[in-house]
Structure formats: C-alpha cells, structure tokens
Amino acid sequence: MRRRELERDPRRAVKPVLTVLLIASLVSGVFPVAAAWPPWADDGEESSHDAAVDVTWLLEHMGGDLAVVDVRELTDYTAGHLPGAVHLALDPDALESGPAVFSRIGLAGDERIIFYGADALSERAALAFWLAEFSGARRAAVLDGGVAAWTAAGRALSDGTYHADAAAWVTAARTD
C-alpha cells in the first residue's frame, strides 16, 4: 500500500529525506548557521548570551547598554509596558530595511537588545529578534514570557512613553 502511495505522489518521499539531511547537517556542523551559532560566542564576553532571557535576568541587567523593545500593538504599549521600553512598530516594510527600522527607535546594533511581546508565544518578538540578528545585532534576545511573565513576577508596568533619538546602525548585516 505504501509503495502505491509513493508511485502516485513521489513528492511524499522527498520530505522525510530532506528532514534527515537537515538533521544530519546540523549535527555534523556542516550547516553554516549551526557552525556559527551563537554569533557572539567568540566576542570575549561571558557566555550567558542566550536567545531568550527571563525576568530575573532582565532585572539584574537593566541599565547600561541594554535596550528593551516592546513589539506589541501601539495601543497595548500605551496601556502599559516594561519601564524604559521603546515601542517598535513591525510592518511588512520592516523586513526590507531592518537597520533603518531599528535606527529610528535609537538602536545601533552594538547594544544588548531585548524584544518582548504579550506572552511566550509572541510571533512579533521572534520576528524582531531574527530581523535584528539578520541586520547584524550581536546581542539580541527575547524576553521569555513577555509582559505576562513580567506581571506574573509582581513587576509593575509603566504608562510613560519613551522616545529615543535616532541612531546610526553600526553593525553589518549577517551574510551567513
């Protein structure tokens, strides 16, 4: 029966083969992104730069060169956001010009950037993270749990609006 299904639609056999090849290349280190991940691993800094950080980590590291970026809808941002967070409006144009989008909200690419959304399943936070990574940001991460985790930890939200002056994006886009 299985052979007949494959004879009718040979594309069904391709997906499992590609999956095996992808897994094998990741495990073997042949896949270039896996070999270069994480991008900051060789920059001489401590090795705790994960793609996701929790509320405790964020509280310990607030200030300095840390930029906190809210990627929720503007109405949600104005209703309450993490203290000091700037708002980033992600739209389809953002995908074409990541550095320009980040520069408008005061990011240069060399600071530590923490993106967050409403909860742990924020597609916008993930999109902003990958756009920043692609644009050359070396220390970007997503707040695990987003605003929901922040408030669950008993932390207050701010209703003040923060505007940052535009900055020049200083890092080069990743080509790997």
N, C-alpha and C. Protein backbone atom coordinates (compact mmCIF):
# COMPACT_ATOMS: atom_id res chain seq x y z
N MET A 1 0.82 -1.19 0.00
CA MET A 1 0.00 0.00 0.00
C MET A 1 0.87 1.26 0.00
N ARG A 2 1.90 1.28 0.80
CA ARG A 2 2.79 2.44 0.88
C ARG A 2 3.46 2.71 -0.45
N ARG A 3 3.87 1.66 -1.13
CA ARG A 3 4.55 1.82 -2.41
C ARG A 3 3.60 2.45 -3.45
N ARG A 4 2.35 2.06 -3.42
CA ARG A 4 1.38 2.63 -4.35
C ARG A 4 1.19 4.12 -4.09
N GLU A 5 1.15 4.51 -2.82
CA GLU A 5 1.01 5.93 -2.49
C GLU A 5 2.18 6.73 -3.02
N LEU A 6 3.40 6.19 -2.89
CA LEU A 6 4.58 6.88 -3.39
C LEU A 6 4.60 6.93 -4.91
N GLU A 7 4.09 5.89 -5.54
CA GLU A 7 4.05 5.91 -7.00
C GLU A 7 3.08 6.97 -7.51
N ARG A 8 1.98 7.17 -6.79
CA ARG A 8 1.01 8.19 -7.20
C ARG A 8 1.54 9.60 -6.94
N ASP A 9 2.25 9.79 -5.83
CA ASP A 9 2.76 11.12 -5.49
C ASP A 9 4.18 10.98 -4.96
N PRO A 10 5.19 10.99 -5.84
CA PRO A 10 6.57 10.79 -5.40
C PRO A 10 7.09 11.90 -4.49
N ARG A 11 6.42 13.05 -4.48
CA ARG A 11 6.87 14.14 -3.60
C ARG A 11 6.77 13.77 -2.13
N ARG A 12 5.93 12.82 -1.79
CA ARG A 12 5.77 12.40 -0.40
C ARG A 12 7.07 11.82 0.15
N ALA A 13 7.91 11.26 -0.69
CA ALA A 13 9.16 10.66 -0.25
C ALA A 13 10.23 11.71 -0.04
N VAL A 14 10.10 12.87 -0.63
CA VAL A 14 11.13 13.90 -0.55
C VAL A 14 11.20 14.53 0.83
N LYS A 15 10.08 14.81 1.44
CA LYS A 15 10.06 15.49 2.73
C LYS A 15 10.83 14.73 3.81
N PRO A 16 10.63 13.43 4.01
CA PRO A 16 11.41 12.72 5.02
C PRO A 16 12.91 12.72 4.70
N VAL A 17 13.26 12.62 3.43
CA VAL A 17 14.67 12.62 3.05
C VAL A 17 15.31 13.97 3.37
N LEU A 18 14.62 15.05 3.03
CA LEU A 18 15.15 16.38 3.34
C LEU A 18 15.26 16.60 4.84
N THR A 19 14.30 16.12 5.59
CA THR A 19 14.36 16.25 7.04
C THR A 19 15.58 15.54 7.61
N VAL A 20 15.83 14.34 7.16
CA VAL A 20 17.01 13.58 7.62
C VAL A 20 18.29 14.31 7.24
N LEU A 21 18.37 14.82 6.03
CA LEU A 21 19.57 15.54 5.59
C LEU A 21 19.80 16.80 6.42
N LEU A 22 18.73 17.54 6.72
CA LEU A 22 18.86 18.75 7.53
C LEU A 22 19.36 18.40 8.93
N ILE A 23 18.77 17.40 9.55
CA ILE A 23 19.20 17.00 10.89
C ILE A 23 20.65 16.53 10.87
N ALA A 24 21.02 15.74 9.89
CA ALA A 24 22.40 15.26 9.78
C ALA A 24 23.38 16.41 9.59
N SER A 25 23.01 17.40 8.79
CA SER A 25 23.92 18.52 8.58
C SER A 25 24.05 19.38 9.82
N LEU A 26 22.96 19.53 10.58
CA LEU A 26 23.04 20.28 11.83
C LEU A 26 23.93 19.58 12.85
N VAL A 27 23.75 18.29 12.98
CA VAL A 27 24.53 17.51 13.94
C VAL A 27 26.01 17.48 13.56
N SER A 28 26.29 17.37 12.28
CA SER A 28 27.68 17.26 11.85
C SER A 28 28.39 18.60 11.80
N GLY A 29 27.67 19.70 11.90
CA GLY A 29 28.30 21.01 11.84
C GLY A 29 28.54 21.49 10.43
N VAL A 30 28.01 20.79 9.43
CA VAL A 30 28.19 21.19 8.05
C VAL A 30 27.34 22.42 7.73
N PHE A 31 26.20 22.51 8.36
CA PHE A 31 25.29 23.62 8.11
C PHE A 31 25.93 24.90 8.65
N PRO A 32 26.18 25.94 7.83
CA PRO A 32 26.95 27.10 8.26
C PRO A 32 26.36 27.87 9.42
N VAL A 33 25.03 28.01 9.49
CA VAL A 33 24.45 28.76 10.58
C VAL A 33 24.67 28.04 11.90
N ALA A 34 24.54 26.71 11.90
CA ALA A 34 24.76 25.95 13.13
C ALA A 34 26.21 26.08 13.58
N ALA A 35 27.14 26.09 12.64
CA ALA A 35 28.55 26.20 12.99
C ALA A 35 28.88 27.57 13.56
N ALA A 36 28.17 28.59 13.14
CA ALA A 36 28.46 29.96 13.57
C ALA A 36 27.59 30.39 14.74
N TRP A 37 26.76 29.50 15.25
CA TRP A 37 25.83 29.88 16.31
C TRP A 37 26.40 29.58 17.67
N PRO A 38 26.24 30.39 18.69
CA PRO A 38 25.64 31.70 18.60
C PRO A 38 26.63 32.71 18.03
N PRO A 39 26.15 33.81 17.43
CA PRO A 39 27.04 34.74 16.75
C PRO A 39 27.99 35.46 17.69
N TRP A 40 27.70 35.51 18.96
CA TRP A 40 28.55 36.24 19.90
C TRP A 40 29.50 35.32 20.65
N ALA A 41 29.55 34.05 20.30
CA ALA A 41 30.30 33.07 21.07
C ALA A 41 31.78 33.38 21.17
N ASP A 42 32.33 34.11 20.21
CA ASP A 42 33.77 34.35 20.24
C ASP A 42 34.10 35.82 20.47
N ASP A 43 33.19 36.59 21.06
CA ASP A 43 33.47 38.01 21.21
C ASP A 43 34.12 38.35 22.55
N GLY A 44 34.55 37.34 23.30
CA GLY A 44 35.27 37.58 24.54
C GLY A 44 34.39 37.91 25.72
N GLU A 45 33.09 37.91 25.55
CA GLU A 45 32.20 38.22 26.65
C GLU A 45 31.77 36.95 27.36
N GLU A 46 31.11 37.13 28.49
CA GLU A 46 30.60 35.97 29.21
C GLU A 46 29.69 35.17 28.30
N SER A 47 29.54 33.90 28.57
CA SER A 47 28.82 33.03 27.65
C SER A 47 27.34 32.91 27.97
N SER A 48 26.77 33.84 28.71
CA SER A 48 25.36 33.73 29.09
C SER A 48 24.43 34.47 28.14
N HIS A 49 24.85 34.74 26.93
CA HIS A 49 24.02 35.46 25.97
C HIS A 49 23.13 34.47 25.24
N ASP A 50 21.98 34.23 25.79
CA ASP A 50 21.05 33.30 25.18
C ASP A 50 20.07 34.06 24.29
N ALA A 51 19.39 33.33 23.44
CA ALA A 51 18.39 33.94 22.57
C ALA A 51 17.12 34.28 23.35
N ALA A 52 16.99 33.77 24.56
CA ALA A 52 15.87 34.10 25.43
C ALA A 52 16.40 34.38 26.82
N VAL A 53 15.84 35.40 27.46
CA VAL A 53 16.20 35.73 28.84
C VAL A 53 14.93 35.74 29.66
N ASP A 54 15.06 35.54 30.97
CA ASP A 54 13.88 35.57 31.82
C ASP A 54 13.82 36.90 32.58
N VAL A 55 12.74 37.08 33.34
CA VAL A 55 12.53 38.34 34.06
C VAL A 55 13.64 38.59 35.06
N THR A 56 14.09 37.56 35.76
CA THR A 56 15.17 37.72 36.74
C THR A 56 16.42 38.25 36.07
N TRP A 57 16.79 37.66 34.95
CA TRP A 57 17.97 38.12 34.21
C TRP A 57 17.79 39.57 33.79
N LEU A 58 16.62 39.92 33.28
CA LEU A 58 16.37 41.28 32.81
C LEU A 58 16.50 42.28 33.95
N LEU A 59 15.95 41.95 35.11
CA LEU A 59 16.04 42.85 36.26
C LEU A 59 17.49 43.05 36.70
N GLU A 60 18.29 42.00 36.64
CA GLU A 60 19.70 42.08 37.03
C GLU A 60 20.53 42.91 36.06
N HIS A 61 20.11 43.00 34.81
CA HIS A 61 20.92 43.65 33.78
C HIS A 61 20.35 44.96 33.25
N MET A 62 19.26 45.45 33.83
CA MET A 62 18.67 46.70 33.33
C MET A 62 19.64 47.86 33.53
N GLY A 63 19.61 48.78 32.58
CA GLY A 63 20.53 49.91 32.60
C GLY A 63 21.71 49.66 31.68
N GLY A 64 22.64 50.55 31.68
CA GLY A 64 23.81 50.39 30.83
C GLY A 64 23.46 50.38 29.36
N ASP A 65 23.99 49.42 28.63
CA ASP A 65 23.75 49.38 27.19
C ASP A 65 22.59 48.46 26.81
N LEU A 66 21.67 48.24 27.74
CA LEU A 66 20.52 47.37 27.49
C LEU A 66 19.37 48.19 26.92
N ALA A 67 18.81 47.73 25.81
CA ALA A 67 17.64 48.37 25.21
C ALA A 67 16.49 47.37 25.26
N VAL A 68 15.36 47.78 25.82
CA VAL A 68 14.18 46.93 25.91
C VAL A 68 13.17 47.45 24.89
N VAL A 69 12.68 46.53 24.05
CA VAL A 69 11.83 46.92 22.93
C VAL A 69 10.51 46.15 22.96
N ASP A 70 9.41 46.90 23.02
CA ASP A 70 8.06 46.36 23.02
C ASP A 70 7.59 46.26 21.57
N VAL A 71 7.18 45.07 21.14
CA VAL A 71 6.75 44.89 19.76
C VAL A 71 5.24 44.65 19.63
N ARG A 72 4.51 44.89 20.72
CA ARG A 72 3.06 44.72 20.67
C ARG A 72 2.42 45.88 19.91
N GLU A 73 1.12 45.82 19.74
CA GLU A 73 0.40 46.93 19.11
C GLU A 73 0.61 48.20 19.94
N LEU A 74 0.56 49.36 19.29
CA LEU A 74 0.78 50.63 19.98
C LEU A 74 -0.23 50.85 21.10
N THR A 75 -1.47 50.44 20.92
CA THR A 75 -2.47 50.60 21.98
C THR A 75 -2.10 49.79 23.22
N ASP A 76 -1.55 48.60 23.02
CA ASP A 76 -1.11 47.79 24.16
C ASP A 76 0.08 48.43 24.85
N TYR A 77 1.01 48.97 24.06
CA TYR A 77 2.19 49.65 24.62
C TYR A 77 1.77 50.84 25.47
N THR A 78 0.87 51.68 24.97
CA THR A 78 0.47 52.86 25.72
C THR A 78 -0.34 52.50 26.96
N ALA A 79 -1.02 51.35 26.96
CA ALA A 79 -1.78 50.91 28.13
C ALA A 79 -0.87 50.46 29.26
N GLY A 80 0.31 49.98 28.93
CA GLY A 80 1.26 49.55 29.96
C GLY A 80 2.36 48.70 29.36
N HIS A 81 3.60 49.03 29.68
CA HIS A 81 4.76 48.33 29.13
C HIS A 81 5.87 48.28 30.16
N LEU A 82 6.90 47.53 29.88
CA LEU A 82 8.04 47.44 30.79
C LEU A 82 8.69 48.82 30.92
N PRO A 83 9.11 49.19 32.12
CA PRO A 83 9.72 50.51 32.31
C PRO A 83 10.93 50.70 31.38
N GLY A 84 10.94 51.84 30.71
CA GLY A 84 12.05 52.19 29.83
C GLY A 84 11.98 51.60 28.44
N ALA A 85 10.95 50.80 28.16
CA ALA A 85 10.86 50.15 26.85
C ALA A 85 10.42 51.14 25.78
N VAL A 86 11.01 51.02 24.61
CA VAL A 86 10.58 51.79 23.45
C VAL A 86 9.66 50.90 22.62
N HIS A 87 8.82 51.53 21.84
CA HIS A 87 7.88 50.77 21.00
C HIS A 87 8.44 50.62 19.61
N LEU A 88 8.31 49.41 19.05
CA LEU A 88 8.72 49.13 17.68
C LEU A 88 7.50 48.66 16.91
N ALA A 89 7.13 49.41 15.89
CA ALA A 89 6.02 49.01 15.02
C ALA A 89 6.60 48.15 13.91
N LEU A 90 6.22 46.90 13.90
CA LEU A 90 6.69 46.00 12.85
C LEU A 90 5.63 45.93 11.76
N ASP A 91 6.04 46.24 10.57
CA ASP A 91 5.15 46.13 9.42
C ASP A 91 5.91 45.45 8.30
N PRO A 92 5.25 45.14 7.20
CA PRO A 92 5.94 44.44 6.11
C PRO A 92 7.17 45.17 5.60
N ASP A 93 7.18 46.52 5.66
CA ASP A 93 8.36 47.27 5.21
C ASP A 93 9.56 47.02 6.11
N ALA A 94 9.31 46.65 7.37
CA ALA A 94 10.41 46.41 8.30
C ALA A 94 11.31 45.29 7.81
N LEU A 95 10.74 44.34 7.12
CA LEU A 95 11.53 43.21 6.65
C LEU A 95 12.50 43.61 5.55
N GLU A 96 12.22 44.69 4.86
CA GLU A 96 13.09 45.13 3.78
C GLU A 96 14.21 46.02 4.26
N SER A 97 14.03 46.68 5.38
CA SER A 97 15.05 47.62 5.85
C SER A 97 15.19 47.56 7.37
N GLY A 98 15.63 46.42 7.87
CA GLY A 98 15.78 46.23 9.31
C GLY A 98 16.61 47.29 10.00
N PRO A 99 17.84 47.56 9.53
CA PRO A 99 18.65 48.57 10.22
C PRO A 99 17.97 49.93 10.31
N ALA A 100 17.28 50.36 9.26
CA ALA A 100 16.60 51.65 9.28
C ALA A 100 15.48 51.66 10.32
N VAL A 101 14.76 50.55 10.41
CA VAL A 101 13.66 50.45 11.38
C VAL A 101 14.22 50.54 12.80
N PHE A 102 15.30 49.83 13.06
CA PHE A 102 15.90 49.85 14.39
C PHE A 102 16.55 51.20 14.70
N SER A 103 17.18 51.81 13.70
CA SER A 103 17.82 53.12 13.90
C SER A 103 16.81 54.17 14.32
N ARG A 104 15.60 54.11 13.75
CA ARG A 104 14.56 55.10 14.08
C ARG A 104 14.19 55.08 15.56
N ILE A 105 14.34 53.91 16.21
CA ILE A 105 13.98 53.85 17.64
C ILE A 105 15.21 53.92 18.54
N GLY A 106 16.34 54.34 17.97
CA GLY A 106 17.53 54.60 18.77
C GLY A 106 18.50 53.45 18.93
N LEU A 107 18.34 52.39 18.16
CA LEU A 107 19.24 51.24 18.27
C LEU A 107 20.38 51.35 17.27
N ALA A 108 21.56 50.93 17.70
CA ALA A 108 22.74 50.98 16.83
C ALA A 108 23.22 49.58 16.45
N GLY A 109 22.76 48.55 17.13
CA GLY A 109 23.15 47.19 16.82
C GLY A 109 24.24 46.64 17.71
N ASP A 110 24.94 47.52 18.43
CA ASP A 110 26.01 47.04 19.29
C ASP A 110 25.60 46.94 20.76
N GLU A 111 24.39 47.36 21.09
CA GLU A 111 23.89 47.23 22.46
C GLU A 111 23.19 45.88 22.62
N ARG A 112 22.89 45.52 23.86
CA ARG A 112 22.11 44.31 24.11
C ARG A 112 20.64 44.70 23.94
N ILE A 113 19.93 43.99 23.08
CA ILE A 113 18.54 44.32 22.76
C ILE A 113 17.64 43.18 23.22
N ILE A 114 16.64 43.51 24.02
CA ILE A 114 15.67 42.52 24.48
C ILE A 114 14.31 42.89 23.91
N PHE A 115 13.76 42.00 23.08
CA PHE A 115 12.44 42.20 22.49
C PHE A 115 11.42 41.43 23.31
N TYR A 116 10.22 41.99 23.42
CA TYR A 116 9.17 41.24 24.09
C TYR A 116 7.81 41.54 23.48
N GLY A 117 6.91 40.59 23.66
CA GLY A 117 5.53 40.72 23.23
C GLY A 117 4.61 40.48 24.41
N ALA A 118 3.41 40.04 24.11
CA ALA A 118 2.42 39.85 25.16
C ALA A 118 2.71 38.64 26.04
N ASP A 119 3.21 37.56 25.43
CA ASP A 119 3.41 36.33 26.19
C ASP A 119 4.53 35.52 25.55
N ALA A 120 4.64 34.27 25.95
CA ALA A 120 5.71 33.41 25.47
C ALA A 120 5.57 33.04 24.00
N LEU A 121 4.41 33.21 23.43
CA LEU A 121 4.19 32.82 22.05
C LEU A 121 4.14 34.02 21.10
N SER A 122 4.89 35.05 21.40
CA SER A 122 4.85 36.27 20.60
C SER A 122 5.61 36.10 19.29
N GLU A 123 4.86 36.02 18.21
CA GLU A 123 5.49 35.93 16.89
C GLU A 123 6.22 37.22 16.54
N ARG A 124 5.68 38.35 16.99
CA ARG A 124 6.32 39.63 16.70
C ARG A 124 7.69 39.72 17.37
N ALA A 125 7.80 39.26 18.61
CA ALA A 125 9.09 39.30 19.29
C ALA A 125 10.09 38.41 18.58
N ALA A 126 9.65 37.25 18.14
CA ALA A 126 10.54 36.35 17.41
C ALA A 126 10.96 36.97 16.08
N LEU A 127 10.02 37.59 15.38
CA LEU A 127 10.34 38.24 14.11
C LEU A 127 11.34 39.37 14.32
N ALA A 128 11.12 40.19 15.33
CA ALA A 128 12.04 41.30 15.61
C ALA A 128 13.43 40.78 15.97
N PHE A 129 13.48 39.70 16.75
CA PHE A 129 14.76 39.09 17.11
C PHE A 129 15.52 38.65 15.85
N TRP A 130 14.85 37.91 14.98
CA TRP A 130 15.53 37.41 13.78
C TRP A 130 15.88 38.52 12.82
N LEU A 131 15.06 39.56 12.75
CA LEU A 131 15.38 40.70 11.91
C LEU A 131 16.62 41.41 12.44
N ALA A 132 16.70 41.55 13.76
CA ALA A 132 17.89 42.16 14.37
C ALA A 132 19.12 41.31 14.13
N GLU A 133 19.00 40.00 14.31
CA GLU A 133 20.12 39.09 14.05
C GLU A 133 20.59 39.22 12.60
N PHE A 134 19.65 39.18 11.67
CA PHE A 134 19.99 39.29 10.26
C PHE A 134 20.64 40.63 9.95
N SER A 135 20.19 41.68 10.63
CA SER A 135 20.72 43.02 10.39
C SER A 135 22.09 43.24 11.01
N GLY A 136 22.53 42.29 11.84
CA GLY A 136 23.87 42.38 12.41
C GLY A 136 23.95 42.60 13.90
N ALA A 137 22.80 42.70 14.58
CA ALA A 137 22.83 42.85 16.04
C ALA A 137 23.49 41.61 16.64
N ARG A 138 24.47 41.81 17.51
CA ARG A 138 25.22 40.69 18.04
C ARG A 138 24.69 40.20 19.39
N ARG A 139 23.87 41.00 20.05
CA ARG A 139 23.41 40.60 21.38
C ARG A 139 21.92 40.84 21.53
N ALA A 140 21.14 40.18 20.71
CA ALA A 140 19.68 40.30 20.77
C ALA A 140 19.09 39.08 21.46
N ALA A 141 17.96 39.28 22.10
CA ALA A 141 17.27 38.18 22.78
C ALA A 141 15.79 38.52 22.89
N VAL A 142 15.01 37.53 23.30
CA VAL A 142 13.58 37.69 23.53
C VAL A 142 13.32 37.44 25.01
N LEU A 143 12.45 38.26 25.59
CA LEU A 143 12.06 38.06 26.98
C LEU A 143 11.11 36.87 27.05
N ASP A 144 11.52 35.82 27.69
CA ASP A 144 10.72 34.61 27.81
C ASP A 144 9.45 34.92 28.61
N GLY A 145 8.32 34.78 27.97
CA GLY A 145 7.05 35.02 28.64
C GLY A 145 6.49 36.41 28.42
N GLY A 146 7.30 37.34 27.93
CA GLY A 146 6.85 38.69 27.63
C GLY A 146 6.23 39.42 28.80
N VAL A 147 5.25 40.26 28.51
CA VAL A 147 4.57 41.05 29.54
C VAL A 147 3.91 40.15 30.58
N ALA A 148 3.37 39.03 30.14
CA ALA A 148 2.70 38.11 31.07
C ALA A 148 3.67 37.63 32.15
N ALA A 149 4.90 37.30 31.77
CA ALA A 149 5.89 36.86 32.76
C ALA A 149 6.30 38.01 33.67
N TRP A 150 6.42 39.20 33.11
CA TRP A 150 6.80 40.38 33.88
C TRP A 150 5.78 40.65 34.98
N THR A 151 4.49 40.66 34.63
CA THR A 151 3.46 40.93 35.62
C THR A 151 3.28 39.75 36.58
N ALA A 152 3.47 38.52 36.10
CA ALA A 152 3.37 37.35 36.98
C ALA A 152 4.47 37.38 38.04
N ALA A 153 5.58 38.03 37.74
CA ALA A 153 6.68 38.15 38.71
C ALA A 153 6.43 39.31 39.69
N GLY A 154 5.25 39.93 39.58
CA GLY A 154 4.90 41.01 40.50
C GLY A 154 5.49 42.36 40.12
N ARG A 155 5.96 42.50 38.92
CA ARG A 155 6.57 43.74 38.46
C ARG A 155 5.50 44.65 37.86
N ALA A 156 5.63 45.94 38.08
CA ALA A 156 4.65 46.91 37.58
C ALA A 156 4.97 47.32 36.15
N LEU A 157 3.92 47.70 35.45
CA LEU A 157 4.08 48.23 34.10
C LEU A 157 4.10 49.75 34.16
N SER A 158 4.69 50.36 33.17
CA SER A 158 4.77 51.81 33.07
C SER A 158 3.82 52.27 31.99
N ASP A 159 3.27 53.48 32.15
CA ASP A 159 2.42 54.01 31.09
C ASP A 159 3.06 55.22 30.42
N GLY A 160 4.29 55.54 30.81
CA GLY A 160 5.01 56.63 30.16
C GLY A 160 5.51 56.19 28.79
N THR A 161 5.57 57.14 27.87
CA THR A 161 6.06 56.82 26.52
C THR A 161 7.52 57.22 26.43
N TYR A 162 8.34 56.33 25.93
CA TYR A 162 9.76 56.60 25.80
C TYR A 162 10.12 56.74 24.34
N HIS A 163 10.78 57.81 24.03
CA HIS A 163 11.25 58.05 22.67
C HIS A 163 12.76 58.15 22.71
N ALA A 164 13.40 57.48 21.83
CA ALA A 164 14.85 57.56 21.73
C ALA A 164 15.20 58.31 20.45
N ASP A 165 16.27 59.07 20.51
CA ASP A 165 16.75 59.73 19.30
C ASP A 165 17.23 58.69 18.31
N ALA A 166 17.09 59.00 17.05
CA ALA A 166 17.56 58.08 16.01
C ALA A 166 19.06 57.85 16.19
N ALA A 167 19.49 56.66 15.84
CA ALA A 167 20.90 56.30 15.95
C ALA A 167 21.37 55.71 14.62
N ALA A 168 22.66 55.75 14.42
CA ALA A 168 23.23 55.15 13.22
C ALA A 168 23.48 53.68 13.50
N TRP A 169 22.99 52.79 12.65
CA TRP A 169 23.20 51.36 12.80
C TRP A 169 24.66 51.08 12.47
N VAL A 170 25.41 50.48 13.40
CA VAL A 170 26.85 50.34 13.23
C VAL A 170 27.32 48.92 12.86
N THR A 171 26.44 47.95 12.92
CA THR A 171 26.87 46.59 12.63
C THR A 171 26.45 46.22 11.22
N ALA A 172 27.22 45.32 10.62
CA ALA A 172 26.95 44.87 9.25
C ALA A 172 25.99 43.71 9.26
N ALA A 173 25.18 43.63 8.24
CA ALA A 173 24.24 42.52 8.10
C ALA A 173 24.97 41.20 8.03
N ARG A 174 24.35 40.17 8.57
CA ARG A 174 24.95 38.84 8.51
C ARG A 174 24.77 38.27 7.11
N THR A 175 25.80 37.62 6.64
CA THR A 175 25.71 37.02 5.31
C THR A 175 25.67 35.50 5.40
N ASP A 176 25.76 34.95 6.61
CA ASP A 176 25.71 33.50 6.77
C ASP A 176 24.30 33.05 7.01
